[in-house]
């Protein structure tokens, strides 16, 4: 990715035609190691299609494909949207290797945080991050997320146990 070239970033709703890419990304060990255990075990296109059938009718799950110059490179969204307590969990995957570590994740998180607070009128956005995922932890701190708790040695990765960190961000504008 040429840093000097202007990137046109578009966020569009996840579609059934995106499932092949989503499955490839989730089965990529560089990505799946940072996701929940159900994803870390791997997935198939058949499982993805079954998941999508329930997703399209779930109003408490909003996921968007991140496109850069017309190319799908990741997914960002809010899951487990709770309209009563006004909170949701942030979800992000930068699926294409060459787009990781270039600030795209930050832009996508800023987009979905703004969407959550301004459009959905959420009070809080939260997430889980594995303690070995130091880049993500630093990013979330820069975005204003604060650590709310840890489950000690919850995640097994490369033969070692790591903490699962819970972080939250509150909408301070609409209190």
C-alpha atoms as a PDB file:
ATOM      1  CA  UNK A   1       0.000   0.000   0.000  1.00  0.00           C
ATOM      2  CA  UNK A   2       1.467   3.313  -1.056  1.00  0.00           C
ATOM      3  CA  UNK A   3       1.242   5.700   1.899  1.00  0.00           C
ATOM      4  CA  UNK A   4       1.354   8.727  -0.401  1.00  0.00           C
ATOM      5  CA  UNK A   5      -1.648   7.621  -2.454  1.00  0.00           C
ATOM      6  CA  UNK A   6      -4.966   8.917  -1.115  1.00  0.00           C
ATOM      7  CA  UNK A   7      -7.087   6.068   0.167  1.00  0.00           C
ATOM      8  CA  UNK A   8     -10.797   6.107  -0.495  1.00  0.00           C
ATOM      9  CA  UNK A   9     -12.366   4.250   2.421  1.00  0.00           C
ATOM     10  CA  UNK A  10     -15.995   3.122   2.249  1.00  0.00           C
ATOM     11  CA  UNK A  11     -18.010   1.208   4.856  1.00  0.00           C
ATOM     12  CA  UNK A  12     -20.862  -0.838   3.455  1.00  0.00           C
ATOM     13  CA  UNK A  13     -23.154  -3.470   4.993  1.00  0.00           C
ATOM     14  CA  UNK A  14     -21.889  -7.046   5.047  1.00  0.00           C
ATOM     15  CA  UNK A  15     -23.466  -9.080   2.228  1.00  0.00           C
ATOM     16  CA  UNK A  16     -23.687 -12.797   1.495  1.00  0.00           C
ATOM     17  CA  UNK A  17     -21.204 -12.286  -1.351  1.00  0.00           C
ATOM     18  CA  UNK A  18     -18.603 -11.254   1.276  1.00  0.00           C
ATOM     19  CA  UNK A  19     -18.722 -14.579   3.109  1.00  0.00           C
ATOM     20  CA  UNK A  20     -15.953 -16.223   1.096  1.00  0.00           C
ATOM     21  CA  UNK A  21     -13.530 -13.425   2.028  1.00  0.00           C
ATOM     22  CA  UNK A  22     -14.758 -13.344   5.638  1.00  0.00           C
ATOM     23  CA  UNK A  23     -14.119 -17.099   5.895  1.00  0.00           C
ATOM     24  CA  UNK A  24     -10.615 -16.706   4.428  1.00  0.00           C
ATOM     25  CA  UNK A  25      -9.810 -13.916   6.872  1.00  0.00           C
ATOM     26  CA  UNK A  26     -11.119 -15.835   9.879  1.00  0.00           C
ATOM     27  CA  UNK A  27      -9.063 -18.882   8.879  1.00  0.00           C
ATOM     28  CA  UNK A  28      -5.878 -16.828   8.537  1.00  0.00           C
ATOM     29  CA  UNK A  29      -3.769 -17.691  11.647  1.00  0.00           C
ATOM     30  CA  UNK A  30      -2.385 -14.128  11.789  1.00  0.00           C
ATOM     31  CA  UNK A  31      -5.957 -12.902  12.313  1.00  0.00           C
ATOM     32  CA  UNK A  32      -7.732 -15.747  14.068  1.00  0.00           C
ATOM     33  CA  UNK A  33      -5.182 -15.849  16.914  1.00  0.00           C
ATOM     34  CA  UNK A  34      -6.604 -12.517  18.092  1.00  0.00           C
ATOM     35  CA  UNK A  35     -10.263 -13.510  17.928  1.00  0.00           C
ATOM     36  CA  UNK A  36     -12.569 -15.539  20.161  1.00  0.00           C
ATOM     37  CA  UNK A  37     -12.101 -19.265  20.610  1.00  0.00           C
ATOM     38  CA  UNK A  38     -14.973 -20.159  18.294  1.00  0.00           C
ATOM     39  CA  UNK A  39     -13.201 -18.387  15.460  1.00  0.00           C
ATOM     40  CA  UNK A  40      -9.732 -19.590  16.445  1.00  0.00           C
ATOM     41  CA  UNK A  41     -10.838 -23.172  15.821  1.00  0.00           C
ATOM     42  CA  UNK A  42     -11.533 -22.287  12.165  1.00  0.00           C
ATOM     43  CA  UNK A  43     -14.661 -22.047  10.068  1.00  0.00           C
ATOM     44  CA  UNK A  44     -16.070 -23.143   6.732  1.00  0.00           C
ATOM     45  CA  UNK A  45     -18.056 -21.360   4.051  1.00  0.00           C
ATOM     46  CA  UNK A  46     -21.020 -23.610   4.900  1.00  0.00           C
ATOM     47  CA  UNK A  47     -20.840 -22.505   8.566  1.00  0.00           C
ATOM     48  CA  UNK A  48     -20.522 -18.871   7.459  1.00  0.00           C
ATOM     49  CA  UNK A  49     -23.660 -19.128   5.320  1.00  0.00           C
ATOM     50  CA  UNK A  50     -25.580 -20.643   8.222  1.00  0.00           C
ATOM     51  CA  UNK A  51     -24.347 -17.827  10.502  1.00  0.00           C
ATOM     52  CA  UNK A  52     -25.334 -15.226   7.875  1.00  0.00           C
ATOM     53  CA  UNK A  53     -28.933 -16.495   7.797  1.00  0.00           C
ATOM     54  CA  UNK A  54     -29.324 -15.558  11.457  1.00  0.00           C
ATOM     55  CA  UNK A  55     -27.213 -12.398  11.131  1.00  0.00           C
ATOM     56  CA  UNK A  56     -29.403 -10.731   8.477  1.00  0.00           C
ATOM     57  CA  UNK A  57     -32.416 -10.871  10.800  1.00  0.00           C
ATOM     58  CA  UNK A  58     -30.520  -9.753  13.905  1.00  0.00           C
ATOM     59  CA  UNK A  59     -31.034  -6.057  14.597  1.00  0.00           C
ATOM     60  CA  UNK A  60     -28.511  -6.252  17.429  1.00  0.00           C
ATOM     61  CA  UNK A  61     -25.565  -6.918  15.125  1.00  0.00           C
ATOM     62  CA  UNK A  62     -24.262  -4.321  12.648  1.00  0.00           C
ATOM     63  CA  UNK A  63     -21.206  -5.274  10.573  1.00  0.00           C
ATOM     64  CA  UNK A  64     -19.667  -3.345   7.724  1.00  0.00           C
ATOM     65  CA  UNK A  65     -17.161  -4.302   5.070  1.00  0.00           C
ATOM     66  CA  UNK A  66     -14.205  -1.924   4.965  1.00  0.00           C
ATOM     67  CA  UNK A  67     -13.346  -1.150   1.346  1.00  0.00           C
ATOM     68  CA  UNK A  68     -10.192   0.681   0.335  1.00  0.00           C
ATOM     69  CA  UNK A  69     -10.218   2.000  -3.227  1.00  0.00           C
ATOM     70  CA  UNK A  70     -13.009  -0.499  -4.021  1.00  0.00           C
ATOM     71  CA  UNK A  71     -11.258  -3.541  -2.502  1.00  0.00           C
ATOM     72  CA  UNK A  72     -12.724  -5.272   0.584  1.00  0.00           C
ATOM     73  CA  UNK A  73      -9.980  -5.389   3.222  1.00  0.00           C
ATOM     74  CA  UNK A  74     -11.789  -5.992   6.521  1.00  0.00           C
ATOM     75  CA  UNK A  75     -14.906  -5.908   8.665  1.00  0.00           C
ATOM     76  CA  UNK A  76     -15.878  -3.579  11.491  1.00  0.00           C
ATOM     77  CA  UNK A  77     -19.024  -3.640  13.535  1.00  0.00           C
ATOM     78  CA  UNK A  78     -20.987  -3.599  16.727  1.00  0.00           C
ATOM     79  CA  UNK A  79     -22.328  -6.873  18.069  1.00  0.00           C
ATOM     80  CA  UNK A  80     -24.541  -7.740  21.012  1.00  0.00           C
ATOM     81  CA  UNK A  81     -26.218  -4.335  20.700  1.00  0.00           C
ATOM     82  CA  UNK A  82     -28.322  -3.895  23.816  1.00  0.00           C
ATOM     83  CA  UNK A  83     -31.028  -1.285  23.138  1.00  0.00           C
ATOM     84  CA  UNK A  84     -32.189  -1.262  26.770  1.00  0.00           C
ATOM     85  CA  UNK A  85     -28.842  -0.727  28.499  1.00  0.00           C
ATOM     86  CA  UNK A  86     -27.446   1.167  25.483  1.00  0.00           C
ATOM     87  CA  UNK A  87     -24.210  -0.763  24.985  1.00  0.00           C
ATOM     88  CA  UNK A  88     -22.543  -2.907  22.333  1.00  0.00           C
ATOM     89  CA  UNK A  89     -19.339  -4.822  21.650  1.00  0.00           C
ATOM     90  CA  UNK A  90     -16.852  -3.572  19.055  1.00  0.00           C
ATOM     91  CA  UNK A  91     -15.690  -6.089  16.447  1.00  0.00           C
ATOM     92  CA  UNK A  92     -12.932  -5.526  13.879  1.00  0.00           C
ATOM     93  CA  UNK A  93     -10.874  -7.575  11.456  1.00  0.00           C
ATOM     94  CA  UNK A  94      -8.360  -6.119   9.021  1.00  0.00           C
ATOM     95  CA  UNK A  95      -8.268  -9.147   6.767  1.00  0.00           C
ATOM     96  CA  UNK A  96      -5.744  -8.178   4.137  1.00  0.00           C
ATOM     97  CA  UNK A  97      -2.165  -8.437   5.406  1.00  0.00           C
ATOM     98  CA  UNK A  98      -0.814  -5.370   3.620  1.00  0.00           C
ATOM     99  CA  UNK A  99      -3.460  -3.135   5.231  1.00  0.00           C
ATOM    100  CA  UNK A 100      -2.613  -4.052   8.832  1.00  0.00           C
ATOM    101  CA  UNK A 101      -0.450  -1.634  10.798  1.00  0.00           C
ATOM    102  CA  UNK A 102      -1.248   1.298   8.489  1.00  0.00           C
ATOM    103  CA  UNK A 103      -3.861   3.175  10.545  1.00  0.00           C
ATOM    104  CA  UNK A 104      -6.850   1.639   8.792  1.00  0.00           C
ATOM    105  CA  UNK A 105      -7.974  -0.141  11.976  1.00  0.00           C
ATOM    106  CA  UNK A 106      -7.988   3.134  13.846  1.00  0.00           C
ATOM    107  CA  UNK A 107     -10.077   4.838  11.148  1.00  0.00           C
ATOM    108  CA  UNK A 108     -12.521   1.938  11.077  1.00  0.00           C
ATOM    109  CA  UNK A 109     -12.833   1.951  14.879  1.00  0.00           C
ATOM    110  CA  UNK A 110     -13.425   5.714  14.855  1.00  0.00           C
ATOM    111  CA  UNK A 111     -16.135   5.206  12.240  1.00  0.00           C
ATOM    112  CA  UNK A 112     -17.961   2.507  14.209  1.00  0.00           C
ATOM    113  CA  UNK A 113     -17.579   4.350  17.540  1.00  0.00           C
ATOM    114  CA  UNK A 114     -19.103   7.465  15.978  1.00  0.00           C
ATOM    115  CA  UNK A 115     -21.892   5.337  14.473  1.00  0.00           C
ATOM    116  CA  UNK A 116     -22.577   3.712  17.850  1.00  0.00           C
ATOM    117  CA  UNK A 117     -22.694   6.923  19.841  1.00  0.00           C
ATOM    118  CA  UNK A 118     -24.330   9.260  17.318  1.00  0.00           C
ATOM    119  CA  UNK A 119     -26.685   6.980  15.354  1.00  0.00           C
ATOM    120  CA  UNK A 120     -27.487   4.228  17.855  1.00  0.00           C
ATOM    121  CA  UNK A 121     -27.282   6.564  20.871  1.00  0.00           C
ATOM    122  CA  UNK A 122     -25.227   4.050  22.843  1.00  0.00           C
ATOM    123  CA  UNK A 123     -23.920   4.898  26.290  1.00  0.00           C
ATOM    124  CA  UNK A 124     -21.003   2.455  26.154  1.00  0.00           C
ATOM    125  CA  UNK A 125     -18.972   0.467  23.642  1.00  0.00           C
ATOM    126  CA  UNK A 126     -16.881  -2.367  25.018  1.00  0.00           C
ATOM    127  CA  UNK A 127     -14.492  -5.001  23.716  1.00  0.00           C
ATOM    128  CA  UNK A 128     -12.312  -7.930  24.661  1.00  0.00           C
ATOM    129  CA  UNK A 129      -8.640  -8.095  23.700  1.00  0.00           C
ATOM    130  CA  UNK A 130      -6.046 -10.782  24.354  1.00  0.00           C
ATOM    131  CA  UNK A 131      -3.066  -9.546  26.384  1.00  0.00           C
ATOM    132  CA  UNK A 132      -0.581 -10.751  23.759  1.00  0.00           C
ATOM    133  CA  UNK A 133      -2.246  -8.490  21.165  1.00  0.00           C
ATOM    134  CA  UNK A 134      -0.241  -5.454  22.235  1.00  0.00           C
ATOM    135  CA  UNK A 135      -0.879  -3.452  19.047  1.00  0.00           C
ATOM    136  CA  UNK A 136      -4.643  -3.671  19.491  1.00  0.00           C
ATOM    137  CA  UNK A 137      -4.375  -2.846  23.209  1.00  0.00           C
ATOM    138  CA  UNK A 138      -2.369   0.312  22.404  1.00  0.00           C
ATOM    139  CA  UNK A 139      -4.851   1.299  19.693  1.00  0.00           C
ATOM    140  CA  UNK A 140      -7.827   0.918  22.004  1.00  0.00           C
ATOM    141  CA  UNK A 141      -6.086   3.008  24.659  1.00  0.00           C
ATOM    142  CA  UNK A 142      -5.426   5.757  22.088  1.00  0.00           C
ATOM    143  CA  UNK A 143      -9.115   5.673  21.166  1.00  0.00           C
ATOM    144  CA  UNK A 144     -10.040   6.291  24.811  1.00  0.00           C
ATOM    145  CA  UNK A 145     -10.975   2.774  25.927  1.00  0.00           C
ATOM    146  CA  UNK A 146     -10.059   2.001  29.522  1.00  0.00           C
ATOM    147  CA  UNK A 147      -9.348  -1.367  31.036  1.00  0.00           C
ATOM    148  CA  UNK A 148     -12.303  -2.514  33.129  1.00  0.00           C
ATOM    149  CA  UNK A 149     -11.114  -5.968  34.106  1.00  0.00           C
ATOM    150  CA  UNK A 150      -9.088  -9.051  33.269  1.00  0.00           C
ATOM    151  CA  UNK A 151      -9.675 -12.740  33.242  1.00  0.00           C
ATOM    152  CA  UNK A 152      -6.291 -14.114  34.242  1.00  0.00           C
ATOM    153  CA  UNK A 153      -4.758 -16.786  32.006  1.00  0.00           C
ATOM    154  CA  UNK A 154      -8.011 -17.166  30.072  1.00  0.00           C
ATOM    155  CA  UNK A 155      -6.526 -17.624  26.578  1.00  0.00           C
ATOM    156  CA  UNK A 156      -4.104 -20.356  25.512  1.00  0.00           C
ATOM    157  CA  UNK A 157      -1.839 -19.262  22.659  1.00  0.00           C
ATOM    158  CA  UNK A 158       1.357 -20.955  21.473  1.00  0.00           C
ATOM    159  CA  UNK A 159       1.407 -23.164  24.570  1.00  0.00           C
ATOM    160  CA  UNK A 160       1.168 -20.275  27.069  1.00  0.00           C
ATOM    161  CA  UNK A 161      -1.748 -18.724  28.919  1.00  0.00           C
ATOM    162  CA  UNK A 162      -2.627 -15.057  28.559  1.00  0.00           C
ATOM    163  CA  UNK A 163      -5.113 -12.664  30.109  1.00  0.00           C
ATOM    164  CA  UNK A 164      -8.294 -11.599  28.399  1.00  0.00           C
ATOM    165  CA  UNK A 165      -8.715  -7.854  28.907  1.00  0.00           C
ATOM    166  CA  UNK A 166     -12.110  -6.139  28.988  1.00  0.00           C
ATOM    167  CA  UNK A 167     -12.157  -2.486  27.943  1.00  0.00           C
ATOM    168  CA  UNK A 168     -14.892   0.117  27.713  1.00  0.00           C
ATOM    169  CA  UNK A 169     -15.510   3.525  26.187  1.00  0.00           C
ATOM    170  CA  UNK A 170     -18.328   5.782  27.349  1.00  0.00           C
ATOM    171  CA  UNK A 171     -20.189   8.434  25.406  1.00  0.00           C
ATOM    172  CA  UNK A 172     -19.403  11.476  27.510  1.00  0.00           C
ATOM    173  CA  UNK A 173     -21.194  13.901  25.150  1.00  0.00           C
ATOM    174  CA  UNK A 174     -24.710  12.589  25.790  1.00  0.00           C
ATOM    175  CA  UNK A 175     -24.713  12.046  29.550  1.00  0.00           C
END
